[in-house]
PDB file of N, CA and C in Angstrom:
ATOM      1  N   MET A   1      33.977  29.600   3.235  1.00  0.00           N
ATOM      2  CA  MET A   1      32.764  29.067   3.817  1.00  0.00           C
ATOM      3  C   MET A   1      33.170  27.852   4.654  1.00  0.00           C
ATOM      4  N   ASP A   2      32.883  27.894   5.951  1.00  0.00           N
ATOM      5  CA  ASP A   2      33.307  26.846   6.870  1.00  0.00           C
ATOM      6  C   ASP A   2      32.284  25.729   7.062  1.00  0.00           C
ATOM      7  N   ASP A   3      31.057  25.948   6.665  1.00  0.00           N
ATOM      8  CA  ASP A   3      29.996  24.961   6.858  1.00  0.00           C
ATOM      9  C   ASP A   3      29.949  24.020   5.654  1.00  0.00           C
ATOM     10  N   PRO A   4      30.312  22.727   5.850  1.00  0.00           N
ATOM     11  CA  PRO A   4      30.344  21.796   4.715  1.00  0.00           C
ATOM     12  C   PRO A   4      29.003  21.648   4.006  1.00  0.00           C
ATOM     13  N   ARG A   5      27.913  21.704   4.737  1.00  0.00           N
ATOM     14  CA  ARG A   5      26.595  21.564   4.107  1.00  0.00           C
ATOM     15  C   ARG A   5      26.292  22.768   3.220  1.00  0.00           C
ATOM     16  N   LYS A   6      26.586  23.967   3.732  1.00  0.00           N
ATOM     17  CA  LYS A   6      26.339  25.157   2.930  1.00  0.00           C
ATOM     18  C   LYS A   6      27.249  25.175   1.700  1.00  0.00           C
ATOM     19  N   MET A   7      28.487  24.694   1.873  1.00  0.00           N
ATOM     20  CA  MET A   7      29.398  24.641   0.732  1.00  0.00           C
ATOM     21  C   MET A   7      28.872  23.662  -0.309  1.00  0.00           C
ATOM     22  N   ALA A   8      28.362  22.523   0.130  1.00  0.00           N
ATOM     23  CA  ALA A   8      27.792  21.551  -0.807  1.00  0.00           C
ATOM     24  C   ALA A   8      26.581  22.149  -1.519  1.00  0.00           C
ATOM     25  N   GLU A   9      25.772  22.914  -0.811  1.00  0.00           N
ATOM     26  CA  GLU A   9      24.622  23.559  -1.434  1.00  0.00           C
ATOM     27  C   GLU A   9      25.074  24.599  -2.454  1.00  0.00           C
ATOM     28  N   LEU A  10      26.120  25.349  -2.121  1.00  0.00           N
ATOM     29  CA  LEU A  10      26.646  26.343  -3.049  1.00  0.00           C
ATOM     30  C   LEU A  10      27.180  25.675  -4.316  1.00  0.00           C
ATOM     31  N   VAL A  11      27.925  24.608  -4.152  1.00  0.00           N
ATOM     32  CA  VAL A  11      28.454  23.889  -5.319  1.00  0.00           C
ATOM     33  C   VAL A  11      27.296  23.314  -6.136  1.00  0.00           C
ATOM     34  N   GLY A  12      26.286  22.805  -5.459  1.00  0.00           N
ATOM     35  CA  GLY A  12      25.116  22.291  -6.162  1.00  0.00           C
ATOM     36  C   GLY A  12      24.427  23.379  -6.974  1.00  0.00           C
ATOM     37  N   ALA A  13      24.292  24.556  -6.405  1.00  0.00           N
ATOM     38  CA  ALA A  13      23.679  25.672  -7.128  1.00  0.00           C
ATOM     39  C   ALA A  13      24.546  26.086  -8.313  1.00  0.00           C
ATOM     40  N   ALA A  14      25.857  26.131  -8.095  1.00  0.00           N
ATOM     41  CA  ALA A  14      26.771  26.493  -9.186  1.00  0.00           C
ATOM     42  C   ALA A  14      26.664  25.492 -10.329  1.00  0.00           C
ATOM     43  N   ASN A  15      26.648  24.234  -9.999  1.00  0.00           N
ATOM     44  CA  ASN A  15      26.537  23.207 -11.042  1.00  0.00           C
ATOM     45  C   ASN A  15      25.189  23.261 -11.748  1.00  0.00           C
ATOM     46  N   ALA A  16      24.128  23.544 -11.001  1.00  0.00           N
ATOM     47  CA  ALA A  16      22.807  23.656 -11.614  1.00  0.00           C
ATOM     48  C   ALA A  16      22.766  24.826 -12.597  1.00  0.00           C
ATOM     49  N   LEU A  17      23.400  25.923 -12.244  1.00  0.00           N
ATOM     50  CA  LEU A  17      23.456  27.066 -13.158  1.00  0.00           C
ATOM     51  C   LEU A  17      24.214  26.710 -14.433  1.00  0.00           C
ATOM     52  N   ILE A  18      25.318  26.022 -14.288  1.00  0.00           N
ATOM     53  CA  ILE A  18      26.115  25.626 -15.453  1.00  0.00           C
ATOM     54  C   ILE A  18      25.333  24.665 -16.335  1.00  0.00           C
ATOM     55  N   GLN A  19      24.635  23.717 -15.721  1.00  0.00           N
ATOM     56  CA  GLN A  19      23.833  22.767 -16.491  1.00  0.00           C
ATOM     57  C   GLN A  19      22.734  23.472 -17.270  1.00  0.00           C
ATOM     58  N   ARG A  20      22.310  24.611 -16.810  1.00  0.00           N
ATOM     59  CA  ARG A  20      21.263  25.356 -17.500  1.00  0.00           C
ATOM     60  C   ARG A  20      21.821  26.354 -18.500  1.00  0.00           C
ATOM     61  N   GLY A  21      23.123  26.300 -18.714  1.00  0.00           N
ATOM     62  CA  GLY A  21      23.724  27.100 -19.763  1.00  0.00           C
ATOM     63  C   GLY A  21      24.387  28.390 -19.344  1.00  0.00           C
ATOM     64  N   TYR A  22      24.444  28.652 -18.050  1.00  0.00           N
ATOM     65  CA  TYR A  22      25.137  29.854 -17.610  1.00  0.00           C
ATOM     66  C   TYR A  22      26.635  29.708 -17.874  1.00  0.00           C
ATOM     67  N   ASP A  23      27.248  30.770 -18.308  1.00  0.00           N
ATOM     68  CA  ASP A  23      28.697  30.824 -18.484  1.00  0.00           C
ATOM     69  C   ASP A  23      29.304  31.217 -17.140  1.00  0.00           C
ATOM     70  N   ARG A  24      30.296  30.452 -16.685  1.00  0.00           N
ATOM     71  CA  ARG A  24      30.924  30.759 -15.392  1.00  0.00           C
ATOM     72  C   ARG A  24      31.526  32.154 -15.346  1.00  0.00           C
ATOM     73  N   ASN A  25      31.801  32.727 -16.489  1.00  0.00           N
ATOM     74  CA  ASN A  25      32.401  34.054 -16.544  1.00  0.00           C
ATOM     75  C   ASN A  25      31.372  35.162 -16.735  1.00  0.00           C
ATOM     76  N   SER A  26      30.083  34.805 -16.729  1.00  0.00           N
ATOM     77  CA  SER A  26      29.050  35.818 -16.981  1.00  0.00           C
ATOM     78  C   SER A  26      28.642  36.529 -15.692  1.00  0.00           C
ATOM     79  N   ALA A  27      28.152  37.734 -15.873  1.00  0.00           N
ATOM     80  CA  ALA A  27      27.651  38.514 -14.737  1.00  0.00           C
ATOM     81  C   ALA A  27      26.434  37.854 -14.109  1.00  0.00           C
ATOM     82  N   GLU A  28      25.594  37.202 -14.935  1.00  0.00           N
ATOM     83  CA  GLU A  28      24.399  36.541 -14.413  1.00  0.00           C
ATOM     84  C   GLU A  28      24.762  35.395 -13.473  1.00  0.00           C
ATOM     85  N   TYR A  29      25.769  34.624 -13.847  1.00  0.00           N
ATOM     86  CA  TYR A  29      26.233  33.502 -13.019  1.00  0.00           C
ATOM     87  C   TYR A  29      26.742  34.017 -11.672  1.00  0.00           C
ATOM     88  N   VAL A  30      27.594  35.021 -11.721  1.00  0.00           N
ATOM     89  CA  VAL A  30      28.161  35.590 -10.488  1.00  0.00           C
ATOM     90  C   VAL A  30      27.054  36.181  -9.624  1.00  0.00           C
ATOM     91  N   SER A  31      26.119  36.872 -10.245  1.00  0.00           N
ATOM     92  CA  SER A  31      25.016  37.472  -9.503  1.00  0.00           C
ATOM     93  C   SER A  31      24.160  36.408  -8.814  1.00  0.00           C
ATOM     94  N   ALA A  32      23.866  35.323  -9.524  1.00  0.00           N
ATOM     95  CA  ALA A  32      23.063  34.250  -8.927  1.00  0.00           C
ATOM     96  C   ALA A  32      23.781  33.631  -7.734  1.00  0.00           C
ATOM     97  N   LEU A  33      25.089  33.415  -7.854  1.00  0.00           N
ATOM     98  CA  LEU A  33      25.826  32.833  -6.727  1.00  0.00           C
ATOM     99  C   LEU A  33      25.962  33.822  -5.578  1.00  0.00           C
ATOM    100  N   ASP A  34      26.122  35.114  -5.895  1.00  0.00           N
ATOM    101  CA  ASP A  34      26.141  36.130  -4.839  1.00  0.00           C
ATOM    102  C   ASP A  34      24.832  36.118  -4.063  1.00  0.00           C
ATOM    103  N   THR A  35      23.732  36.016  -4.788  1.00  0.00           N
ATOM    104  CA  THR A  35      22.424  35.947  -4.139  1.00  0.00           C
ATOM    105  C   THR A  35      22.343  34.691  -3.276  1.00  0.00           C
ATOM    106  N   PHE A  36      22.834  33.587  -3.819  1.00  0.00           N
ATOM    107  CA  PHE A  36      22.800  32.312  -3.104  1.00  0.00           C
ATOM    108  C   PHE A  36      23.519  32.409  -1.760  1.00  0.00           C
ATOM    109  N   VAL A  37      24.702  32.995  -1.741  1.00  0.00           N
ATOM    110  CA  VAL A  37      25.459  33.051  -0.489  1.00  0.00           C
ATOM    111  C   VAL A  37      25.007  34.185   0.425  1.00  0.00           C
ATOM    112  N   GLY A  38      24.023  34.965  -0.030  1.00  0.00           N
ATOM    113  CA  GLY A  38      23.436  35.970   0.844  1.00  0.00           C
ATOM    114  C   GLY A  38      24.120  37.309   0.847  1.00  0.00           C
ATOM    115  N   ARG A  39      24.934  37.588  -0.141  1.00  0.00           N
ATOM    116  CA  ARG A  39      25.598  38.890  -0.164  1.00  0.00           C
ATOM    117  C   ARG A  39      24.613  40.027  -0.333  1.00  0.00           C
ATOM    118  N   ASN A  40      23.484  39.741  -0.944  1.00  0.00           N
ATOM    119  CA  ASN A  40      22.481  40.784  -1.124  1.00  0.00           C
ATOM    120  C   ASN A  40      21.566  40.900   0.082  1.00  0.00           C
ATOM    121  N   SER A  41      21.642  39.969   1.003  1.00  0.00           N
ATOM    122  CA  SER A  41      20.802  39.978   2.195  1.00  0.00           C
ATOM    123  C   SER A  41      21.559  39.284   3.308  1.00  0.00           C
ATOM    124  N   ALA A  42      22.416  40.017   3.976  1.00  0.00           N
ATOM    125  CA  ALA A  42      23.332  39.444   4.953  1.00  0.00           C
ATOM    126  C   ALA A  42      22.640  38.758   6.120  1.00  0.00           C
ATOM    127  N   GLU A  43      21.415  39.134   6.426  1.00  0.00           N
ATOM    128  CA  GLU A  43      20.748  38.545   7.575  1.00  0.00           C
ATOM    129  C   GLU A  43      19.935  37.303   7.232  1.00  0.00           C
ATOM    130  N   SER A  44      19.785  37.003   5.951  1.00  0.00           N
ATOM    131  CA  SER A  44      18.966  35.847   5.592  1.00  0.00           C
ATOM    132  C   SER A  44      19.835  34.607   5.458  1.00  0.00           C
ATOM    133  N   ASP A  45      19.276  33.471   5.838  1.00  0.00           N
ATOM    134  CA  ASP A  45      19.945  32.190   5.705  1.00  0.00           C
ATOM    135  C   ASP A  45      19.258  31.447   4.572  1.00  0.00           C
ATOM    136  N   LEU A  46      19.992  31.147   3.527  1.00  0.00           N
ATOM    137  CA  LEU A  46      19.390  30.530   2.358  1.00  0.00           C
ATOM    138  C   LEU A  46      18.989  29.096   2.673  1.00  0.00           C
ATOM    139  N   THR A  47      17.765  28.784   2.350  1.00  0.00           N
ATOM    140  CA  THR A  47      17.239  27.436   2.519  1.00  0.00           C
ATOM    141  C   THR A  47      17.298  26.728   1.168  1.00  0.00           C
ATOM    142  N   PRO A  48      17.142  25.404   1.159  1.00  0.00           N
ATOM    143  CA  PRO A  48      17.043  24.720  -0.139  1.00  0.00           C
ATOM    144  C   PRO A  48      15.932  25.292  -1.013  1.00  0.00           C
ATOM    145  N   ASP A  49      14.817  25.678  -0.409  1.00  0.00           N
ATOM    146  CA  ASP A  49      13.738  26.298  -1.180  1.00  0.00           C
ATOM    147  C   ASP A  49      14.211  27.605  -1.819  1.00  0.00           C
ATOM    148  N   GLY A  50      15.000  28.359  -1.093  1.00  0.00           N
ATOM    149  CA  GLY A  50      15.540  29.608  -1.641  1.00  0.00           C
ATOM    150  C   GLY A  50      16.496  29.352  -2.790  1.00  0.00           C
ATOM    151  N   ALA A  51      17.302  28.310  -2.672  1.00  0.00           N
ATOM    152  CA  ALA A  51      18.221  27.951  -3.757  1.00  0.00           C
ATOM    153  C   ALA A  51      17.441  27.553  -5.000  1.00  0.00           C
ATOM    154  N   LEU A  52      16.392  26.756  -4.809  1.00  0.00           N
ATOM    155  CA  LEU A  52      15.558  26.365  -5.946  1.00  0.00           C
ATOM    156  C   LEU A  52      14.899  27.572  -6.588  1.00  0.00           C
ATOM    157  N   GLU A  53      14.483  28.519  -5.781  1.00  0.00           N
ATOM    158  CA  GLU A  53      13.853  29.714  -6.332  1.00  0.00           C
ATOM    159  C   GLU A  53      14.834  30.491  -7.203  1.00  0.00           C
ATOM    160  N   ILE A  54      16.079  30.599  -6.759  1.00  0.00           N
ATOM    161  CA  ILE A  54      17.093  31.291  -7.554  1.00  0.00           C
ATOM    162  C   ILE A  54      17.274  30.603  -8.895  1.00  0.00           C
ATOM    163  N   VAL A  55      17.434  29.297  -8.860  1.00  0.00           N
ATOM    164  CA  VAL A  55      17.661  28.547 -10.093  1.00  0.00           C
ATOM    165  C   VAL A  55      16.416  28.557 -10.972  1.00  0.00           C
ATOM    166  N   ASN A  56      15.261  28.352 -10.379  1.00  0.00           N
ATOM    167  CA  ASN A  56      14.031  28.242 -11.161  1.00  0.00           C
ATOM    168  C   ASN A  56      13.563  29.562 -11.748  1.00  0.00           C
ATOM    169  N   ASN A  57      14.075  30.662 -11.268  1.00  0.00           N
ATOM    170  CA  ASN A  57      13.719  31.957 -11.834  1.00  0.00           C
ATOM    171  C   ASN A  57      14.656  32.362 -12.963  1.00  0.00           C
ATOM    172  N   SER A  58      15.530  31.464 -13.354  1.00  0.00           N
ATOM    173  CA  SER A  58      16.433  31.755 -14.469  1.00  0.00           C
ATOM    174  C   SER A  58      15.716  31.506 -15.784  1.00  0.00           C
ATOM    175  N   LYS A  59      16.326  31.943 -16.851  1.00  0.00           N
ATOM    176  CA  LYS A  59      15.744  31.733 -18.178  1.00  0.00           C
ATOM    177  C   LYS A  59      16.023  30.335 -18.710  1.00  0.00           C
ATOM    178  N   PHE A  60      16.696  29.497 -17.943  1.00  0.00           N
ATOM    179  CA  PHE A  60      17.126  28.195 -18.427  1.00  0.00           C
ATOM    180  C   PHE A  60      16.259  27.037 -17.958  1.00  0.00           C
ATOM    181  N   GLY A  61      15.176  27.306 -17.288  1.00  0.00           N
ATOM    182  CA  GLY A  61      14.262  26.237 -16.912  1.00  0.00           C
ATOM    183  C   GLY A  61      14.300  25.902 -15.436  1.00  0.00           C
ATOM    184  N   LYS A  62      13.505  24.927 -15.089  1.00  0.00           N
ATOM    185  CA  LYS A  62      13.313  24.571 -13.680  1.00  0.00           C
ATOM    186  C   LYS A  62      14.063  23.296 -13.320  1.00  0.00           C
ATOM    187  N   ILE A  63      14.316  23.154 -12.036  1.00  0.00           N
ATOM    188  CA  ILE A  63      14.907  21.948 -11.468  1.00  0.00           C
ATOM    189  C   ILE A  63      13.992  21.512 -10.328  1.00  0.00           C
ATOM    190  N   SER A  64      13.792  20.222 -10.195  1.00  0.00           N
ATOM    191  CA  SER A  64      12.923  19.745  -9.119  1.00  0.00           C
ATOM    192  C   SER A  64      13.701  19.685  -7.812  1.00  0.00           C
ATOM    193  N   ALA A  65      12.972  19.660  -6.718  1.00  0.00           N
ATOM    194  CA  ALA A  65      13.609  19.524  -5.407  1.00  0.00           C
ATOM    195  C   ALA A  65      14.367  18.203  -5.323  1.00  0.00           C
ATOM    196  N   ASP A  66      13.821  17.152  -5.922  1.00  0.00           N
ATOM    197  CA  ASP A  66      14.509  15.852  -5.912  1.00  0.00           C
ATOM    198  C   ASP A  66      15.834  15.928  -6.663  1.00  0.00           C
ATOM    199  N   ASP A  67      15.837  16.564  -7.836  1.00  0.00           N
ATOM    200  CA  ASP A  67      17.080  16.721  -8.594  1.00  0.00           C
ATOM    201  C   ASP A  67      18.100  17.532  -7.803  1.00  0.00           C
ATOM    202  N   TYR A  68      17.628  18.608  -7.198  1.00  0.00           N
ATOM    203  CA  TYR A  68      18.512  19.449  -6.391  1.00  0.00           C
ATOM    204  C   TYR A  68      19.122  18.644  -5.244  1.00  0.00           C
ATOM    205  N   ASN A  69      18.290  17.921  -4.523  1.00  0.00           N
ATOM    206  CA  ASN A  69      18.774  17.145  -3.387  1.00  0.00           C
ATOM    207  C   ASN A  69      19.746  16.044  -3.809  1.00  0.00           C
ATOM    208  N   ARG A  70      19.473  15.399  -4.952  1.00  0.00           N
ATOM    209  CA  ARG A  70      20.410  14.393  -5.459  1.00  0.00           C
ATOM    210  C   ARG A  70      21.757  15.034  -5.765  1.00  0.00           C
ATOM    211  N   GLY A  71      21.724  16.215  -6.347  1.00  0.00           N
ATOM    212  CA  GLY A  71      22.968  16.919  -6.653  1.00  0.00           C
ATOM    213  C   GLY A  71      23.751  17.275  -5.399  1.00  0.00           C
ATOM    214  N   VAL A  72      23.059  17.770  -4.394  1.00  0.00           N
ATOM    215  CA  VAL A  72      23.714  18.114  -3.133  1.00  0.00           C
ATOM    216  C   VAL A  72      24.308  16.857  -2.499  1.00  0.00           C
ATOM    217  N   ASP A  73      23.562  15.770  -2.476  1.00  0.00           N
ATOM    218  CA  ASP A  73      24.064  14.521  -1.902  1.00  0.00           C
ATOM    219  C   ASP A  73      25.277  14.005  -2.664  1.00  0.00           C
ATOM    220  N   THR A  74      25.217  14.076  -3.987  1.00  0.00           N
ATOM    221  CA  THR A  74      26.339  13.627  -4.807  1.00  0.00           C
ATOM    222  C   THR A  74      27.578  14.462  -4.530  1.00  0.00           C
ATOM    223  N   LEU A  75      27.414  15.778  -4.464  1.00  0.00           N
ATOM    224  CA  LEU A  75      28.556  16.640  -4.183  1.00  0.00           C
ATOM    225  C   LEU A  75      29.140  16.389  -2.791  1.00  0.00           C
ATOM    226  N   ALA A  76      28.282  16.179  -1.819  1.00  0.00           N
ATOM    227  CA  ALA A  76      28.769  15.896  -0.461  1.00  0.00           C
ATOM    228  C   ALA A  76      29.542  14.584  -0.438  1.00  0.00           C
ATOM    229  N   THR A  77      29.044  13.576  -1.141  1.00  0.00           N
ATOM    230  CA  THR A  77      29.736  12.286  -1.211  1.00  0.00           C
ATOM    231  C   THR A  77      31.084  12.445  -1.904  1.00  0.00           C
ATOM    232  N   MET A  78      31.098  13.164  -3.015  1.00  0.00           N
ATOM    233  CA  MET A  78      32.351  13.386  -3.734  1.00  0.00           C
ATOM    234  C   MET A  78      33.369  14.098  -2.858  1.00  0.00           C
ATOM    235  N   LYS A  79      32.915  15.077  -2.124  1.00  0.00           N
ATOM    236  CA  LYS A  79      33.819  15.808  -1.240  1.00  0.00           C
ATOM    237  C   LYS A  79      34.360  14.896  -0.142  1.00  0.00           C
ATOM    238  N   ARG A  80      33.483  14.061   0.418  1.00  0.00           N
ATOM    239  CA  ARG A  80      33.893  13.156   1.480  1.00  0.00           C
ATOM    240  C   ARG A  80      34.984  12.197   1.030  1.00  0.00           C
ATOM    241  N   VAL A  81      34.900  11.731  -0.218  1.00  0.00           N
ATOM    242  CA  VAL A  81      35.894  10.777  -0.711  1.00  0.00           C
ATOM    243  C   VAL A  81      37.083  11.466  -1.390  1.00  0.00           C
ATOM    244  N   GLY A  82      37.086  12.799  -1.390  1.00  0.00           N
ATOM    245  CA  GLY A  82      38.241  13.536  -1.871  1.00  0.00           C
ATOM    246  C   GLY A  82      38.201  13.940  -3.331  1.00  0.00           C
ATOM    247  N   ILE A  83      37.054  13.815  -3.988  1.00  0.00           N
ATOM    248  CA  ILE A  83      36.928  14.254  -5.368  1.00  0.00           C
ATOM    249  C   ILE A  83      36.559  15.731  -5.356  1.00  0.00           C
ATOM    250  N   LYS A  84      37.306  16.530  -6.083  1.00  0.00           N
ATOM    251  CA  LYS A  84      37.036  17.974  -6.096  1.00  0.00           C
ATOM    252  C   LYS A  84      36.392  18.392  -7.360  1.00  0.00           C
TER     253      LYS A  84
END
């Protein structure tokens, strides 16, 4: 993924899934991230609202737009300063 913003959003979604109890090795986790990056809909561009919908439709509860945005900002900052 060459777009830093989309990569930060993907990492934010991955972290949100983990915080809600998804196992990184589970089929549900992989499926949610596949949906996030658009593998199931190649012509659609995922918006932050779409990312929230993916996370909020899980069995692990909801995340607010503010929480999501803070996570994305934190990940972008970490990436900028070289924290992986």
